[in-house]
Amino acid sequence: MMRIKIAGGEVIPEIAIPPSATVRELKERIKEVLDVEVDRQTLQFCHLKLENHRSIESYGSAGSLSMLEMEVTPLPGQPKFRIAVKSAFKEDVFMVRETQKVADLESQISQSWGILPES
């Protein structure tokens, strides 16, 4: 069993999978963990796109593939989502796009709630 970290976003999950598993099987495991459809995932290692039919071990030793990069194809039309944010003092709903960064949402909340940046 090997552990693979998936970079490319603000969340870096770690997934355990046997080296003999195919890239497609890894993508299916990523779907279970991150809820990103397999067809929307592109996995890369050192700028090399990994092919679904190949095994993970076919790309080199288990240690060399410990960190992969994942690109996610955005949903068509970049739909907006509603995110409810609650604190002990306030509750609000913000509209975000799938491609928006967490830092942008944090800034939006800070501006709306009058929270001053830390110095």
PDB file of N, CA and C in Angstrom:
ATOM      1  N   MET A   1       0.847  -1.174   0.000  1.00  0.00           N
ATOM      2  CA  MET A   1       0.000   0.000   0.000  1.00  0.00           C
ATOM      3  C   MET A   1       0.897   1.242   0.000  1.00  0.00           C
ATOM      4  N   MET A   2       0.567   2.199  -0.836  1.00  0.00           N
ATOM      5  CA  MET A   2       1.325   3.448  -0.856  1.00  0.00           C
ATOM      6  C   MET A   2       0.384   4.601  -0.569  1.00  0.00           C
ATOM      7  N   ARG A   3       0.936   5.689  -0.087  1.00  0.00           N
ATOM      8  CA  ARG A   3       0.160   6.877   0.205  1.00  0.00           C
ATOM      9  C   ARG A   3       0.521   7.946  -0.812  1.00  0.00           C
ATOM     10  N   ILE A   4      -0.527   8.516  -1.413  1.00  0.00           N
ATOM     11  CA  ILE A   4      -0.327   9.545  -2.432  1.00  0.00           C
ATOM     12  C   ILE A   4      -1.031  10.808  -1.974  1.00  0.00           C
ATOM     13  N   LYS A   5      -0.322  11.918  -2.019  1.00  0.00           N
ATOM     14  CA  LYS A   5      -0.933  13.217  -1.741  1.00  0.00           C
ATOM     15  C   LYS A   5      -1.306  13.839  -3.073  1.00  0.00           C
ATOM     16  N   ILE A   6      -2.462  14.473  -3.118  1.00  0.00           N
ATOM     17  CA  ILE A   6      -2.949  15.106  -4.336  1.00  0.00           C
ATOM     18  C   ILE A   6      -2.877  16.617  -4.156  1.00  0.00           C
ATOM     19  N   ALA A   7      -2.010  17.273  -4.910  1.00  0.00           N
ATOM     20  CA  ALA A   7      -1.871  18.725  -4.845  1.00  0.00           C
ATOM     21  C   ALA A   7      -2.658  19.345  -5.988  1.00  0.00           C
ATOM     22  N   GLY A   8      -2.826  20.637  -5.935  1.00  0.00           N
ATOM     23  CA  GLY A   8      -3.498  21.329  -7.022  1.00  0.00           C
ATOM     24  C   GLY A   8      -4.593  22.231  -6.508  1.00  0.00           C
ATOM     25  N   GLY A   9      -4.931  22.094  -5.274  1.00  0.00           N
ATOM     26  CA  GLY A   9      -5.961  22.941  -4.680  1.00  0.00           C
ATOM     27  C   GLY A   9      -5.530  23.348  -3.289  1.00  0.00           C
ATOM     28  N   GLU A  10      -6.456  23.887  -2.556  1.00  0.00           N
ATOM     29  CA  GLU A  10      -6.139  24.323  -1.203  1.00  0.00           C
ATOM     30  C   GLU A  10      -6.273  23.191  -0.197  1.00  0.00           C
ATOM     31  N   VAL A  11      -6.892  22.096  -0.617  1.00  0.00           N
ATOM     32  CA  VAL A  11      -7.013  20.911   0.216  1.00  0.00           C
ATOM     33  C   VAL A  11      -6.062  19.873  -0.370  1.00  0.00           C
ATOM     34  N   ILE A  12      -5.216  19.289   0.464  1.00  0.00           N
ATOM     35  CA  ILE A  12      -4.271  18.280  -0.019  1.00  0.00           C
ATOM     36  C   ILE A  12      -4.577  16.963   0.691  1.00  0.00           C
ATOM     37  N   PRO A  13      -5.453  16.147   0.087  1.00  0.00           N
ATOM     38  CA  PRO A  13      -5.781  14.873   0.717  1.00  0.00           C
ATOM     39  C   PRO A  13      -4.673  13.854   0.515  1.00  0.00           C
ATOM     40  N   GLU A  14      -4.655  12.863   1.379  1.00  0.00           N
ATOM     41  CA  GLU A  14      -3.703  11.766   1.259  1.00  0.00           C
ATOM     42  C   GLU A  14      -4.520  10.494   1.069  1.00  0.00           C
ATOM     43  N   ILE A  15      -4.215   9.737   0.021  1.00  0.00           N
ATOM     44  CA  ILE A  15      -4.991   8.562  -0.345  1.00  0.00           C
ATOM     45  C   ILE A  15      -4.084   7.340  -0.338  1.00  0.00           C
ATOM     46  N   ALA A  16      -4.541   6.267   0.306  1.00  0.00           N
ATOM     47  CA  ALA A  16      -3.791   5.010   0.322  1.00  0.00           C
ATOM     48  C   ALA A  16      -4.315   4.117  -0.798  1.00  0.00           C
ATOM     49  N   ILE A  17      -3.379   3.564  -1.582  1.00  0.00           N
ATOM     50  CA  ILE A  17      -3.763   2.716  -2.715  1.00  0.00           C
ATOM     51  C   ILE A  17      -2.593   1.787  -3.039  1.00  0.00           C
ATOM     52  N   PRO A  18      -2.876   0.554  -3.473  1.00  0.00           N
ATOM     53  CA  PRO A  18      -1.769  -0.342  -3.829  1.00  0.00           C
ATOM     54  C   PRO A  18      -1.062   0.122  -5.098  1.00  0.00           C
ATOM     55  N   PRO A  19       0.242  -0.059  -5.186  1.00  0.00           N
ATOM     56  CA  PRO A  19       0.983   0.365  -6.382  1.00  0.00           C
ATOM     57  C   PRO A  19       0.498  -0.304  -7.663  1.00  0.00           C
ATOM     58  N   SER A  20      -0.106  -1.486  -7.542  1.00  0.00           N
ATOM     59  CA  SER A  20      -0.589  -2.203  -8.723  1.00  0.00           C
ATOM     60  C   SER A  20      -1.906  -1.638  -9.262  1.00  0.00           C
ATOM     61  N   ALA A  21      -2.539  -0.726  -8.527  1.00  0.00           N
ATOM     62  CA  ALA A  21      -3.807  -0.133  -8.976  1.00  0.00           C
ATOM     63  C   ALA A  21      -3.572   0.710 -10.222  1.00  0.00           C
ATOM     64  N   THR A  22      -4.602   0.809 -11.053  1.00  0.00           N
ATOM     65  CA  THR A  22      -4.500   1.652 -12.241  1.00  0.00           C
ATOM     66  C   THR A  22      -4.760   3.102 -11.861  1.00  0.00           C
ATOM     67  N   VAL A  23      -4.378   3.998 -12.753  1.00  0.00           N
ATOM     68  CA  VAL A  23      -4.648   5.419 -12.553  1.00  0.00           C
ATOM     69  C   VAL A  23      -6.160   5.626 -12.461  1.00  0.00           C
ATOM     70  N   ARG A  24      -6.915   4.900 -13.259  1.00  0.00           N
ATOM     71  CA  ARG A  24      -8.387   4.986 -13.210  1.00  0.00           C
ATOM     72  C   ARG A  24      -8.901   4.620 -11.817  1.00  0.00           C
ATOM     73  N   GLU A  25      -8.357   3.576 -11.211  1.00  0.00           N
ATOM     74  CA  GLU A  25      -8.766   3.178  -9.858  1.00  0.00           C
ATOM     75  C   GLU A  25      -8.417   4.260  -8.843  1.00  0.00           C
ATOM     76  N   LEU A  26      -7.263   4.895  -9.028  1.00  0.00           N
ATOM     77  CA  LEU A  26      -6.887   6.014  -8.159  1.00  0.00           C
ATOM     78  C   LEU A  26      -7.895   7.147  -8.309  1.00  0.00           C
ATOM     79  N   LYS A  27      -8.283   7.457  -9.536  1.00  0.00           N
ATOM     80  CA  LYS A  27      -9.259   8.524  -9.772  1.00  0.00           C
ATOM     81  C   LYS A  27     -10.607   8.187  -9.130  1.00  0.00           C
ATOM     82  N   GLU A  28     -10.983   6.907  -9.160  1.00  0.00           N
ATOM     83  CA  GLU A  28     -12.234   6.500  -8.519  1.00  0.00           C
ATOM     84  C   GLU A  28     -12.145   6.684  -7.003  1.00  0.00           C
ATOM     85  N   ARG A  29     -10.976   6.426  -6.448  1.00  0.00           N
ATOM     86  CA  ARG A  29     -10.761   6.647  -5.002  1.00  0.00           C
ATOM     87  C   ARG A  29     -10.815   8.141  -4.691  1.00  0.00           C
ATOM     88  N   ILE A  30     -10.239   8.965  -5.567  1.00  0.00           N
ATOM     89  CA  ILE A  30     -10.297  10.422  -5.391  1.00  0.00           C
ATOM     90  C   ILE A  30     -11.743  10.892  -5.419  1.00  0.00           C
ATOM     91  N   LYS A  31     -12.556  10.306  -6.298  1.00  0.00           N
ATOM     92  CA  LYS A  31     -13.974  10.666  -6.352  1.00  0.00           C
ATOM     93  C   LYS A  31     -14.652  10.381  -5.018  1.00  0.00           C
ATOM     94  N   GLU A  32     -14.324   9.234  -4.404  1.00  0.00           N
ATOM     95  CA  GLU A  32     -14.896   8.892  -3.099  1.00  0.00           C
ATOM     96  C   GLU A  32     -14.513   9.916  -2.030  1.00  0.00           C
ATOM     97  N   VAL A  33     -13.260  10.371  -2.070  1.00  0.00           N
ATOM     98  CA  VAL A  33     -12.748  11.276  -1.037  1.00  0.00           C
ATOM     99  C   VAL A  33     -13.148  12.729  -1.288  1.00  0.00           C
ATOM    100  N   LEU A  34     -13.022  13.193  -2.547  1.00  0.00           N
ATOM    101  CA  LEU A  34     -13.228  14.609  -2.860  1.00  0.00           C
ATOM    102  C   LEU A  34     -14.519  14.901  -3.624  1.00  0.00           C
ATOM    103  N   ASP A  35     -15.229  13.872  -4.041  1.00  0.00           N
ATOM    104  CA  ASP A  35     -16.476  14.023  -4.800  1.00  0.00           C
ATOM    105  C   ASP A  35     -16.256  14.790  -6.107  1.00  0.00           C
ATOM    106  N   VAL A  36     -15.178  14.445  -6.805  1.00  0.00           N
ATOM    107  CA  VAL A  36     -14.884  15.020  -8.114  1.00  0.00           C
ATOM    108  C   VAL A  36     -14.998  13.890  -9.130  1.00  0.00           C
ATOM    109  N   GLU A  37     -15.884  14.051 -10.104  1.00  0.00           N
ATOM    110  CA  GLU A  37     -16.103  13.002 -11.099  1.00  0.00           C
ATOM    111  C   GLU A  37     -14.796  12.619 -11.790  1.00  0.00           C
ATOM    112  N   VAL A  38     -14.646  11.335 -12.064  1.00  0.00           N
ATOM    113  CA  VAL A  38     -13.428  10.797 -12.675  1.00  0.00           C
ATOM    114  C   VAL A  38     -13.109  11.510 -13.990  1.00  0.00           C
ATOM    115  N   ASP A  39     -14.111  11.745 -14.819  1.00  0.00           N
ATOM    116  CA  ASP A  39     -13.881  12.369 -16.126  1.00  0.00           C
ATOM    117  C   ASP A  39     -13.420  13.815 -16.031  1.00  0.00           C
ATOM    118  N   ARG A  40     -13.584  14.444 -14.887  1.00  0.00           N
ATOM    119  CA  ARG A  40     -13.149  15.833 -14.706  1.00  0.00           C
ATOM    120  C   ARG A  40     -11.727  15.921 -14.154  1.00  0.00           C
ATOM    121  N   GLN A  41     -11.138  14.787 -13.787  1.00  0.00           N
ATOM    122  CA  GLN A  41      -9.806  14.764 -13.174  1.00  0.00           C
ATOM    123  C   GLN A  41      -8.711  14.553 -14.222  1.00  0.00           C
ATOM    124  N   THR A  42      -7.639  15.312 -14.102  1.00  0.00           N
ATOM    125  CA  THR A  42      -6.417  15.068 -14.862  1.00  0.00           C
ATOM    126  C   THR A  42      -5.299  14.992 -13.834  1.00  0.00           C
ATOM    127  N   LEU A  43      -4.628  13.845 -13.763  1.00  0.00           N
ATOM    128  CA  LEU A  43      -3.527  13.665 -12.822  1.00  0.00           C
ATOM    129  C   LEU A  43      -2.204  13.773 -13.564  1.00  0.00           C
ATOM    130  N   GLN A  44      -1.255  14.469 -12.925  1.00  0.00           N
ATOM    131  CA  GLN A  44       0.065  14.660 -13.525  1.00  0.00           C
ATOM    132  C   GLN A  44       1.147  14.402 -12.493  1.00  0.00           C
ATOM    133  N   PHE A  45       2.288  13.962 -12.996  1.00  0.00           N
ATOM    134  CA  PHE A  45       3.480  13.813 -12.181  1.00  0.00           C
ATOM    135  C   PHE A  45       4.634  14.392 -12.979  1.00  0.00           C
ATOM    136  N   CYS A  46       5.276  15.423 -12.454  1.00  0.00           N
ATOM    137  CA  CYS A  46       6.372  16.106 -13.153  1.00  0.00           C
ATOM    138  C   CYS A  46       5.952  16.493 -14.570  1.00  0.00           C
ATOM    139  N   HIS A  47       4.798  17.087 -14.695  1.00  0.00           N
ATOM    140  CA  HIS A  47       4.245  17.588 -15.963  1.00  0.00           C
ATOM    141  C   HIS A  47       3.919  16.478 -16.960  1.00  0.00           C
ATOM    142  N   LEU A  48       3.881  15.233 -16.508  1.00  0.00           N
ATOM    143  CA  LEU A  48       3.512  14.100 -17.357  1.00  0.00           C
ATOM    144  C   LEU A  48       2.089  13.686 -16.993  1.00  0.00           C
ATOM    145  N   LYS A  49       1.202  13.713 -17.980  1.00  0.00           N
ATOM    146  CA  LYS A  49      -0.189  13.321 -17.751  1.00  0.00           C
ATOM    147  C   LYS A  49      -0.263  11.810 -17.576  1.00  0.00           C
ATOM    148  N   LEU A  50      -0.888  11.364 -16.471  1.00  0.00           N
ATOM    149  CA  LEU A  50      -1.006   9.941 -16.194  1.00  0.00           C
ATOM    150  C   LEU A  50      -2.184   9.353 -16.979  1.00  0.00           C
ATOM    151  N   GLU A  51      -1.970   8.187 -17.567  1.00  0.00           N
ATOM    152  CA  GLU A  51      -2.976   7.541 -18.401  1.00  0.00           C
ATOM    153  C   GLU A  51      -3.798   6.552 -17.579  1.00  0.00           C
ATOM    154  N   ASN A  52      -5.114   6.569 -17.766  1.00  0.00           N
ATOM    155  CA  ASN A  52      -6.042   5.774 -16.957  1.00  0.00           C
ATOM    156  C   ASN A  52      -5.739   4.284 -16.954  1.00  0.00           C
ATOM    157  N   HIS A  53      -5.303   3.720 -18.073  1.00  0.00           N
ATOM    158  CA  HIS A  53      -5.132   2.276 -18.181  1.00  0.00           C
ATOM    159  C   HIS A  53      -3.834   1.766 -17.548  1.00  0.00           C
ATOM    160  N   ARG A  54      -2.893   2.655 -17.266  1.00  0.00           N
ATOM    161  CA  ARG A  54      -1.600   2.235 -16.717  1.00  0.00           C
ATOM    162  C   ARG A  54      -1.665   2.086 -15.201  1.00  0.00           C
ATOM    163  N   SER A  55      -0.829   1.211 -14.677  1.00  0.00           N
ATOM    164  CA  SER A  55      -0.741   1.046 -13.227  1.00  0.00           C
ATOM    165  C   SER A  55       0.094   2.197 -12.651  1.00  0.00           C
ATOM    166  N   ILE A  56      -0.107   2.447 -11.388  1.00  0.00           N
ATOM    167  CA  ILE A  56       0.653   3.513 -10.725  1.00  0.00           C
ATOM    168  C   ILE A  56       2.135   3.149 -10.710  1.00  0.00           C
ATOM    169  N   GLU A  57       2.432   1.856 -10.445  1.00  0.00           N
ATOM    170  CA  GLU A  57       3.838   1.436 -10.369  1.00  0.00           C
ATOM    171  C   GLU A  57       4.551   1.513 -11.719  1.00  0.00           C
ATOM    172  N   SER A  58       3.805   1.573 -12.816  1.00  0.00           N
ATOM    173  CA  SER A  58       4.446   1.663 -14.134  1.00  0.00           C
ATOM    174  C   SER A  58       5.103   3.022 -14.366  1.00  0.00           C
ATOM    175  N   TYR A  59       4.788   3.988 -13.507  1.00  0.00           N
ATOM    176  CA  TYR A  59       5.386   5.318 -13.630  1.00  0.00           C
ATOM    177  C   TYR A  59       6.647   5.475 -12.787  1.00  0.00           C
ATOM    178  N   GLY A  60       7.073   4.440 -12.103  1.00  0.00           N
ATOM    179  CA  GLY A  60       8.297   4.520 -11.319  1.00  0.00           C
ATOM    180  C   GLY A  60       8.077   3.946  -9.936  1.00  0.00           C
ATOM    181  N   SER A  61       9.058   4.141  -9.082  1.00  0.00           N
ATOM    182  CA  SER A  61       8.981   3.587  -7.730  1.00  0.00           C
ATOM    183  C   SER A  61       7.882   4.284  -6.939  1.00  0.00           C
ATOM    184  N   ALA A  62       7.372   3.587  -5.963  1.00  0.00           N
ATOM    185  CA  ALA A  62       6.271   4.116  -5.145  1.00  0.00           C
ATOM    186  C   ALA A  62       6.644   5.445  -4.498  1.00  0.00           C
ATOM    187  N   GLY A  63       7.872   5.578  -4.061  1.00  0.00           N
ATOM    188  CA  GLY A  63       8.294   6.811  -3.408  1.00  0.00           C
ATOM    189  C   GLY A  63       8.313   8.004  -4.338  1.00  0.00           C
ATOM    190  N   SER A  64       8.609   7.764  -5.615  1.00  0.00           N
ATOM    191  CA  SER A  64       8.717   8.885  -6.547  1.00  0.00           C
ATOM    192  C   SER A  64       7.350   9.485  -6.890  1.00  0.00           C
ATOM    193  N   LEU A  65       6.284   8.707  -6.727  1.00  0.00           N
ATOM    194  CA  LEU A  65       4.943   9.203  -7.048  1.00  0.00           C
ATOM    195  C   LEU A  65       4.159   9.603  -5.800  1.00  0.00           C
ATOM    196  N   SER A  66       4.841   9.941  -4.735  1.00  0.00           N
ATOM    197  CA  SER A  66       4.133  10.239  -3.491  1.00  0.00           C
ATOM    198  C   SER A  66       3.323  11.538  -3.573  1.00  0.00           C
ATOM    199  N   MET A  67       3.618  12.426  -4.541  1.00  0.00           N
ATOM    200  CA  MET A  67       2.867  13.674  -4.684  1.00  0.00           C
ATOM    201  C   MET A  67       2.487  13.854  -6.151  1.00  0.00           C
ATOM    202  N   LEU A  68       1.192  13.887  -6.411  1.00  0.00           N
ATOM    203  CA  LEU A  68       0.678  14.109  -7.765  1.00  0.00           C
ATOM    204  C   LEU A  68      -0.054  15.434  -7.811  1.00  0.00           C
ATOM    205  N   GLU A  69      -0.147  15.998  -9.001  1.00  0.00           N
ATOM    206  CA  GLU A  69      -0.930  17.208  -9.201  1.00  0.00           C
ATOM    207  C   GLU A  69      -2.220  16.828  -9.892  1.00  0.00           C
ATOM    208  N   MET A  70      -3.326  17.464  -9.469  1.00  0.00           N
ATOM    209  CA  MET A  70      -4.610  17.183 -10.082  1.00  0.00           C
ATOM    210  C   MET A  70      -5.218  18.482 -10.593  1.00  0.00           C
ATOM    211  N   GLU A  71      -5.640  18.448 -11.840  1.00  0.00           N
ATOM    212  CA  GLU A  71      -6.408  19.543 -12.413  1.00  0.00           C
ATOM    213  C   GLU A  71      -7.841  19.054 -12.531  1.00  0.00           C
ATOM    214  N   VAL A  72      -8.789  19.950 -12.245  1.00  0.00           N
ATOM    215  CA  VAL A  72     -10.199  19.600 -12.337  1.00  0.00           C
ATOM    216  C   VAL A  72     -10.836  20.480 -13.408  1.00  0.00           C
ATOM    217  N   THR A  73     -11.454  19.835 -14.385  1.00  0.00           N
ATOM    218  CA  THR A  73     -12.163  20.564 -15.425  1.00  0.00           C
ATOM    219  C   THR A  73     -13.401  21.195 -14.800  1.00  0.00           C
ATOM    220  N   PRO A  74     -13.561  22.523 -14.899  1.00  0.00           N
ATOM    221  CA  PRO A  74     -14.731  23.178 -14.296  1.00  0.00           C
ATOM    222  C   PRO A  74     -16.030  22.689 -14.931  1.00  0.00           C
ATOM    223  N   LEU A  75     -17.085  22.756 -14.166  1.00  0.00           N
ATOM    224  CA  LEU A  75     -18.408  22.419 -14.693  1.00  0.00           C
ATOM    225  C   LEU A  75     -18.778  23.416 -15.777  1.00  0.00           C
ATOM    226  N   PRO A  76     -19.534  23.012 -16.773  1.00  0.00           N
ATOM    227  CA  PRO A  76     -19.940  23.931 -17.846  1.00  0.00           C
ATOM    228  C   PRO A  76     -20.696  25.134 -17.291  1.00  0.00           C
ATOM    229  N   GLY A  77     -20.369  26.302 -17.803  1.00  0.00           N
ATOM    230  CA  GLY A  77     -21.077  27.521 -17.411  1.00  0.00           C
ATOM    231  C   GLY A  77     -20.680  28.087 -16.069  1.00  0.00           C
ATOM    232  N   GLN A  78     -19.720  27.474 -15.398  1.00  0.00           N
ATOM    233  CA  GLN A  78     -19.277  27.918 -14.082  1.00  0.00           C
ATOM    234  C   GLN A  78     -20.460  28.261 -13.171  1.00  0.00           C
ATOM    235  N   PRO A  79     -21.253  27.276 -12.799  1.00  0.00           N
ATOM    236  CA  PRO A  79     -22.418  27.559 -11.953  1.00  0.00           C
ATOM    237  C   PRO A  79     -22.010  28.118 -10.596  1.00  0.00           C
ATOM    238  N   LYS A  80     -22.926  28.865 -10.015  1.00  0.00           N
ATOM    239  CA  LYS A  80     -22.696  29.411  -8.675  1.00  0.00           C
ATOM    240  C   LYS A  80     -23.337  28.493  -7.644  1.00  0.00           C
ATOM    241  N   PHE A  81     -22.738  28.464  -6.470  1.00  0.00           N
ATOM    242  CA  PHE A  81     -23.242  27.664  -5.366  1.00  0.00           C
ATOM    243  C   PHE A  81     -23.478  28.578  -4.170  1.00  0.00           C
ATOM    244  N   ARG A  82     -24.446  28.209  -3.351  1.00  0.00           N
ATOM    245  CA  ARG A  82     -24.733  28.954  -2.121  1.00  0.00           C
ATOM    246  C   ARG A  82     -24.006  28.260  -0.979  1.00  0.00           C
ATOM    247  N   ILE A  83     -23.262  29.047  -0.212  1.00  0.00           N
ATOM    248  CA  ILE A  83     -22.570  28.526   0.964  1.00  0.00           C
ATOM    249  C   ILE A  83     -23.060  29.299   2.171  1.00  0.00           C
ATOM    250  N   ALA A  84     -23.601  28.567   3.140  1.00  0.00           N
ATOM    251  CA  ALA A  84     -24.062  29.192   4.382  1.00  0.00           C
ATOM    252  C   ALA A  84     -22.898  29.238   5.358  1.00  0.00           C
ATOM    253  N   VAL A  85     -22.681  30.421   5.946  1.00  0.00           N
ATOM    254  CA  VAL A  85     -21.603  30.611   6.911  1.00  0.00           C
ATOM    255  C   VAL A  85     -22.240  31.090   8.209  1.00  0.00           C
ATOM    256  N   LYS A  86     -21.907  30.408   9.314  1.00  0.00           N
ATOM    257  CA  LYS A  86     -22.492  30.751  10.608  1.00  0.00           C
ATOM    258  C   LYS A  86     -21.396  30.955  11.637  1.00  0.00           C
ATOM    259  N   SER A  87     -21.614  31.898  12.512  1.00  0.00           N
ATOM    260  CA  SER A  87     -20.750  32.071  13.678  1.00  0.00           C
ATOM    261  C   SER A  87     -21.684  32.182  14.880  1.00  0.00           C
ATOM    262  N   ALA A  88     -21.124  32.374  16.040  1.00  0.00           N
ATOM    263  CA  ALA A  88     -21.949  32.536  17.238  1.00  0.00           C
ATOM    264  C   ALA A  88     -22.759  33.827  17.171  1.00  0.00           C
ATOM    265  N   PHE A  89     -22.327  34.796  16.329  1.00  0.00           N
ATOM    266  CA  PHE A  89     -22.958  36.108  16.296  1.00  0.00           C
ATOM    267  C   PHE A  89     -23.671  36.433  14.990  1.00  0.00           C
ATOM    268  N   LYS A  90     -23.353  35.705  13.938  1.00  0.00           N
ATOM    269  CA  LYS A  90     -23.863  36.103  12.637  1.00  0.00           C
ATOM    270  C   LYS A  90     -24.055  34.890  11.736  1.00  0.00           C
ATOM    271  N   GLU A  91     -24.954  35.029  10.781  1.00  0.00           N
ATOM    272  CA  GLU A  91     -25.212  33.984   9.792  1.00  0.00           C
ATOM    273  C   GLU A  91     -25.422  34.675   8.457  1.00  0.00           C
ATOM    274  N   ASP A  92     -24.861  34.088   7.391  1.00  0.00           N
ATOM    275  CA  ASP A  92     -24.971  34.713   6.075  1.00  0.00           C
ATOM    276  C   ASP A  92     -24.862  33.639   4.996  1.00  0.00           C
ATOM    277  N   VAL A  93     -25.300  33.969   3.801  1.00  0.00           N
ATOM    278  CA  VAL A  93     -25.186  33.073   2.653  1.00  0.00           C
ATOM    279  C   VAL A  93     -24.383  33.795   1.579  1.00  0.00           C
ATOM    280  N   PHE A  94     -23.399  33.104   1.016  1.00  0.00           N
ATOM    281  CA  PHE A  94     -22.542  33.685  -0.008  1.00  0.00           C
ATOM    282  C   PHE A  94     -22.640  32.844  -1.273  1.00  0.00           C
ATOM    283  N   MET A  95     -22.602  33.512  -2.415  1.00  0.00           N
ATOM    284  CA  MET A  95     -22.587  32.827  -3.708  1.00  0.00           C
ATOM    285  C   MET A  95     -21.137  32.694  -4.159  1.00  0.00           C
ATOM    286  N   VAL A  96     -20.739  31.482  -4.526  1.00  0.00           N
ATOM    287  CA  VAL A  96     -19.371  31.233  -4.988  1.00  0.00           C
ATOM    288  C   VAL A  96     -19.408  30.374  -6.247  1.00  0.00           C
ATOM    289  N   ARG A  97     -18.351  30.452  -6.999  1.00  0.00           N
ATOM    290  CA  ARG A  97     -18.190  29.578  -8.163  1.00  0.00           C
ATOM    291  C   ARG A  97     -17.272  28.431  -7.764  1.00  0.00           C
ATOM    292  N   GLU A  98     -17.395  27.348  -8.470  1.00  0.00           N
ATOM    293  CA  GLU A  98     -16.588  26.166  -8.178  1.00  0.00           C
ATOM    294  C   GLU A  98     -15.095  26.484  -8.246  1.00  0.00           C
ATOM    295  N   THR A  99     -14.697  27.387  -9.102  1.00  0.00           N
ATOM    296  CA  THR A  99     -13.283  27.697  -9.297  1.00  0.00           C
ATOM    297  C   THR A  99     -12.767  28.774  -8.335  1.00  0.00           C
ATOM    298  N   GLN A 100     -13.630  29.310  -7.497  1.00  0.00           N
ATOM    299  CA  GLN A 100     -13.221  30.364  -6.563  1.00  0.00           C
ATOM    300  C   GLN A 100     -12.346  29.763  -5.464  1.00  0.00           C
ATOM    301  N   LYS A 101     -11.334  30.498  -5.050  1.00  0.00           N
ATOM    302  CA  LYS A 101     -10.429  30.027  -4.012  1.00  0.00           C
ATOM    303  C   LYS A 101     -11.011  30.312  -2.632  1.00  0.00           C
ATOM    304  N   VAL A 102     -10.604  29.490  -1.677  1.00  0.00           N
ATOM    305  CA  VAL A 102     -11.059  29.660  -0.295  1.00  0.00           C
ATOM    306  C   VAL A 102     -10.658  31.037   0.226  1.00  0.00           C
ATOM    307  N   ALA A 103      -9.468  31.509  -0.130  1.00  0.00           N
ATOM    308  CA  ALA A 103      -9.009  32.824   0.320  1.00  0.00           C
ATOM    309  C   ALA A 103      -9.934  33.931  -0.180  1.00  0.00           C
ATOM    310  N   ASP A 104     -10.473  33.778  -1.391  1.00  0.00           N
ATOM    311  CA  ASP A 104     -11.415  34.772  -1.918  1.00  0.00           C
ATOM    312  C   ASP A 104     -12.711  34.770  -1.115  1.00  0.00           C
ATOM    313  N   LEU A 105     -13.182  33.593  -0.741  1.00  0.00           N
ATOM    314  CA  LEU A 105     -14.384  33.498   0.084  1.00  0.00           C
ATOM    315  C   LEU A 105     -14.126  34.103   1.461  1.00  0.00           C
ATOM    316  N   GLU A 106     -12.964  33.821   2.032  1.00  0.00           N
ATOM    317  CA  GLU A 106     -12.615  34.415   3.329  1.00  0.00           C
ATOM    318  C   GLU A 106     -12.631  35.935   3.252  1.00  0.00           C
ATOM    319  N   SER A 107     -12.100  36.483   2.176  1.00  0.00           N
ATOM    320  CA  SER A 107     -12.094  37.930   1.988  1.00  0.00           C
ATOM    321  C   SER A 107     -13.520  38.467   1.864  1.00  0.00           C
ATOM    322  N   GLN A 108     -14.349  37.758   1.123  1.00  0.00           N
ATOM    323  CA  GLN A 108     -15.749  38.157   0.947  1.00  0.00           C
ATOM    324  C   GLN A 108     -16.477  38.177   2.300  1.00  0.00           C
ATOM    325  N   ILE A 109     -16.243  37.171   3.120  1.00  0.00           N
ATOM    326  CA  ILE A 109     -16.859  37.104   4.453  1.00  0.00           C
ATOM    327  C   ILE A 109     -16.345  38.243   5.327  1.00  0.00           C
ATOM    328  N   SER A 110     -15.035  38.459   5.312  1.00  0.00           N
ATOM    329  CA  SER A 110     -14.436  39.533   6.116  1.00  0.00           C
ATOM    330  C   SER A 110     -15.013  40.888   5.754  1.00  0.00           C
ATOM    331  N   GLN A 111     -15.151  41.162   4.470  1.00  0.00           N
ATOM    332  CA  GLN A 111     -15.715  42.441   4.028  1.00  0.00           C
ATOM    333  C   GLN A 111     -17.167  42.575   4.458  1.00  0.00           C
ATOM    334  N   SER A 112     -17.933  41.524   4.289  1.00  0.00           N
ATOM    335  CA  SER A 112     -19.361  41.567   4.625  1.00  0.00           C
ATOM    336  C   SER A 112     -19.579  41.720   6.124  1.00  0.00           C
ATOM    337  N   TRP A 113     -18.750  41.058   6.909  1.00  0.00           N
ATOM    338  CA  TRP A 113     -18.925  41.044   8.355  1.00  0.00           C
ATOM    339  C   TRP A 113     -18.104  42.129   9.055  1.00  0.00           C
ATOM    340  N   GLY A 114     -17.309  42.890   8.326  1.00  0.00           N
ATOM    341  CA  GLY A 114     -16.507  43.951   8.929  1.00  0.00           C
ATOM    342  C   GLY A 114     -15.361  43.447   9.780  1.00  0.00           C
ATOM    343  N   ILE A 115     -14.782  42.340   9.368  1.00  0.00           N
ATOM    344  CA  ILE A 115     -13.653  41.762  10.103  1.00  0.00           C
ATOM    345  C   ILE A 115     -12.371  42.368   9.563  1.00  0.00           C
ATOM    346  N   LEU A 116     -11.574  42.926  10.432  1.00  0.00           N
ATOM    347  CA  LEU A 116     -10.309  43.542  10.024  1.00  0.00           C
ATOM    348  C   LEU A 116      -9.248  42.461   9.834  1.00  0.00           C
ATOM    349  N   PRO A 117      -8.379  42.636   8.821  1.00  0.00           N
ATOM    350  CA  PRO A 117      -7.304  41.653   8.606  1.00  0.00           C
ATOM    351  C   PRO A 117      -6.339  41.648   9.791  1.00  0.00           C
ATOM    352  N   GLU A 118      -5.760  40.452  10.043  1.00  0.00           N
ATOM    353  CA  GLU A 118      -4.771  40.337  11.112  1.00  0.00           C
ATOM    354  C   GLU A 118      -3.492  41.067  10.710  1.00  0.00           C
ATOM    355  N   SER A 119      -2.871  41.696  11.706  1.00  0.00           N
ATOM    356  CA  SER A 119      -1.619  42.402  11.392  1.00  0.00           C
ATOM    357  C   SER A 119      -0.451  41.750  12.046  1.00  0.00           C
TER     358      SER A 119
END
